[in-house]
N, C-alpha and C. Protein backbone atom coordinates (compact mmCIF):
# COMPACT_ATOMS: atom_id res chain seq x y z
N MET A 1 82.16 54.44 94.46
CA MET A 1 82.73 54.51 93.12
C MET A 1 84.21 54.13 93.21
N MET A 2 84.61 53.19 92.43
CA MET A 2 86.01 52.73 92.42
C MET A 2 86.75 53.37 91.25
N ARG A 3 87.97 53.79 91.55
CA ARG A 3 88.82 54.35 90.50
C ARG A 3 90.14 53.61 90.52
N GLU A 4 90.74 53.47 89.39
CA GLU A 4 92.03 52.80 89.33
C GLU A 4 93.19 53.78 89.48
N ALA A 5 93.00 55.00 89.06
CA ALA A 5 94.08 55.99 89.12
C ALA A 5 93.60 57.21 89.89
N LEU A 6 94.52 57.85 90.56
CA LEU A 6 94.20 59.08 91.26
C LEU A 6 94.24 60.24 90.29
N SER A 7 93.36 61.17 90.47
CA SER A 7 93.40 62.35 89.61
C SER A 7 94.42 63.33 90.16
N GLN A 8 94.76 64.31 89.38
CA GLN A 8 95.74 65.31 89.81
C GLN A 8 95.22 66.12 90.99
N TRP A 9 93.92 66.25 91.12
CA TRP A 9 93.35 67.05 92.20
C TRP A 9 93.57 66.42 93.56
N ASP A 10 93.67 65.10 93.60
CA ASP A 10 93.98 64.44 94.87
C ASP A 10 95.35 64.90 95.38
N TYR A 11 96.31 65.01 94.48
CA TYR A 11 97.64 65.46 94.87
C TYR A 11 97.65 66.94 95.24
N VAL A 12 96.88 67.73 94.52
CA VAL A 12 96.80 69.17 94.83
C VAL A 12 96.19 69.38 96.21
N ILE A 13 95.12 68.67 96.51
CA ILE A 13 94.48 68.79 97.82
C ILE A 13 95.42 68.32 98.92
N ALA A 14 96.12 67.22 98.68
CA ALA A 14 97.07 66.73 99.68
C ALA A 14 98.20 67.73 99.90
N ALA A 15 98.69 68.35 98.85
CA ALA A 15 99.76 69.34 98.98
C ALA A 15 99.29 70.55 99.77
N TYR A 16 98.07 71.01 99.52
CA TYR A 16 97.52 72.13 100.28
C TYR A 16 97.35 71.75 101.74
N ALA A 17 96.90 70.53 102.00
CA ALA A 17 96.72 70.09 103.38
C ALA A 17 98.05 70.07 104.12
N VAL A 18 99.08 69.54 103.48
CA VAL A 18 100.41 69.51 104.11
C VAL A 18 100.92 70.93 104.34
N ALA A 19 100.74 71.80 103.36
CA ALA A 19 101.21 73.18 103.48
C ALA A 19 100.48 73.91 104.61
N LEU A 20 99.17 73.71 104.73
CA LEU A 20 98.41 74.38 105.80
C LEU A 20 98.80 73.85 107.18
N LEU A 21 99.03 72.55 107.28
CA LEU A 21 99.49 72.00 108.56
C LEU A 21 100.86 72.56 108.93
N ALA A 22 101.76 72.63 107.95
CA ALA A 22 103.09 73.17 108.22
C ALA A 22 103.01 74.64 108.61
N LEU A 23 102.15 75.39 107.94
CA LEU A 23 101.98 76.80 108.26
C LEU A 23 101.44 76.98 109.67
N GLY A 24 100.47 76.17 110.03
CA GLY A 24 99.91 76.24 111.39
C GLY A 24 100.97 75.92 112.43
N TRP A 25 101.77 74.89 112.19
CA TRP A 25 102.84 74.54 113.12
C TRP A 25 103.85 75.69 113.23
N LEU A 26 104.20 76.31 112.11
CA LEU A 26 105.15 77.41 112.11
C LEU A 26 104.62 78.61 112.90
N VAL A 27 103.35 78.91 112.76
CA VAL A 27 102.75 80.03 113.49
C VAL A 27 102.78 79.76 114.99
N VAL A 28 102.40 78.55 115.40
CA VAL A 28 102.40 78.21 116.83
C VAL A 28 103.82 78.24 117.38
N TRP A 29 104.76 77.67 116.67
CA TRP A 29 106.16 77.65 117.10
C TRP A 29 106.71 79.06 117.22
N SER A 30 106.42 79.92 116.25
CA SER A 30 106.90 81.30 116.29
C SER A 30 106.28 82.07 117.46
N TRP A 31 104.99 81.88 117.68
CA TRP A 31 104.32 82.58 118.77
C TRP A 31 104.90 82.16 120.12
N ARG A 32 105.12 80.86 120.31
CA ARG A 32 105.69 80.39 121.58
C ARG A 32 107.11 80.91 121.76
N SER A 33 107.90 80.93 120.69
CA SER A 33 109.27 81.45 120.79
C SER A 33 109.26 82.94 121.14
N MET A 34 108.33 83.66 120.55
CA MET A 34 108.24 85.10 120.82
C MET A 34 107.87 85.36 122.28
N THR A 35 106.90 84.61 122.80
CA THR A 35 106.51 84.84 124.20
C THR A 35 107.64 84.46 125.16
N LYS A 36 108.39 83.41 124.85
CA LYS A 36 109.53 83.05 125.70
C LYS A 36 110.59 84.15 125.68
N ALA A 37 110.85 84.70 124.49
CA ALA A 37 111.84 85.77 124.38
C ALA A 37 111.38 87.01 125.14
N GLU A 38 110.09 87.32 125.08
CA GLU A 38 109.58 88.47 125.81
C GLU A 38 109.73 88.27 127.31
N LYS A 39 109.49 87.08 127.80
CA LYS A 39 109.66 86.80 129.23
C LYS A 39 111.11 86.95 129.64
N ARG A 40 112.04 86.46 128.80
CA ARG A 40 113.47 86.61 129.12
C ARG A 40 113.86 88.09 129.12
N ARG A 41 113.33 88.85 128.17
CA ARG A 41 113.62 90.28 128.12
C ARG A 41 113.11 90.99 129.35
N ASP A 42 111.89 90.68 129.75
CA ASP A 42 111.32 91.31 130.94
C ASP A 42 112.10 90.96 132.20
N ALA A 43 112.55 89.71 132.30
CA ALA A 43 113.35 89.29 133.46
C ALA A 43 114.68 90.03 133.49
N ALA A 44 115.29 90.21 132.32
CA ALA A 44 116.56 90.94 132.26
C ALA A 44 116.37 92.41 132.63
N LYS A 45 115.26 93.00 132.21
CA LYS A 45 114.97 94.39 132.58
C LYS A 45 114.81 94.52 134.09
N ARG A 46 114.05 93.59 134.69
CA ARG A 46 113.85 93.65 136.14
C ARG A 46 115.18 93.48 136.87
N GLU A 47 116.00 92.57 136.40
CA GLU A 47 117.30 92.34 137.04
C GLU A 47 118.20 93.57 136.91
N GLY A 48 118.18 94.20 135.76
CA GLY A 48 118.98 95.41 135.55
C GLY A 48 118.53 96.55 136.44
N ARG A 49 117.23 96.70 136.61
CA ARG A 49 116.71 97.76 137.49
C ARG A 49 117.06 97.48 138.94
N ALA A 50 117.00 96.21 139.33
CA ALA A 50 117.34 95.86 140.72
C ALA A 50 118.81 96.15 140.99
N ARG A 51 119.66 95.83 140.04
CA ARG A 51 121.09 96.11 140.23
C ARG A 51 121.38 97.60 140.27
N ALA A 52 120.64 98.36 139.46
CA ALA A 52 120.84 99.82 139.45
C ALA A 52 120.43 100.42 140.80
N ARG A 53 119.38 99.89 141.40
CA ARG A 53 118.96 100.39 142.71
C ARG A 53 119.98 100.03 143.79
N GLN A 54 120.58 98.87 143.71
CA GLN A 54 121.57 98.45 144.69
C GLN A 54 122.85 99.27 144.57
N ALA A 55 123.19 99.72 143.39
CA ALA A 55 124.41 100.47 143.16
C ALA A 55 124.30 101.89 143.71
N ARG A 56 123.13 102.37 143.97
CA ARG A 56 122.95 103.76 144.45
C ARG A 56 123.34 103.90 145.85
């Protein structure tokens, strides 16, 4: 079926698709940033404990 004009629903579906892709990217980016921050925190805790033991 050929159409000459796009209906408004084509734009609505495209907008939802873009929004869902952006949301998915944001979730993945946030999760990776959180895990990196947790690793840095754990490394700092280990380093602090090691220094405390050496100071005794």
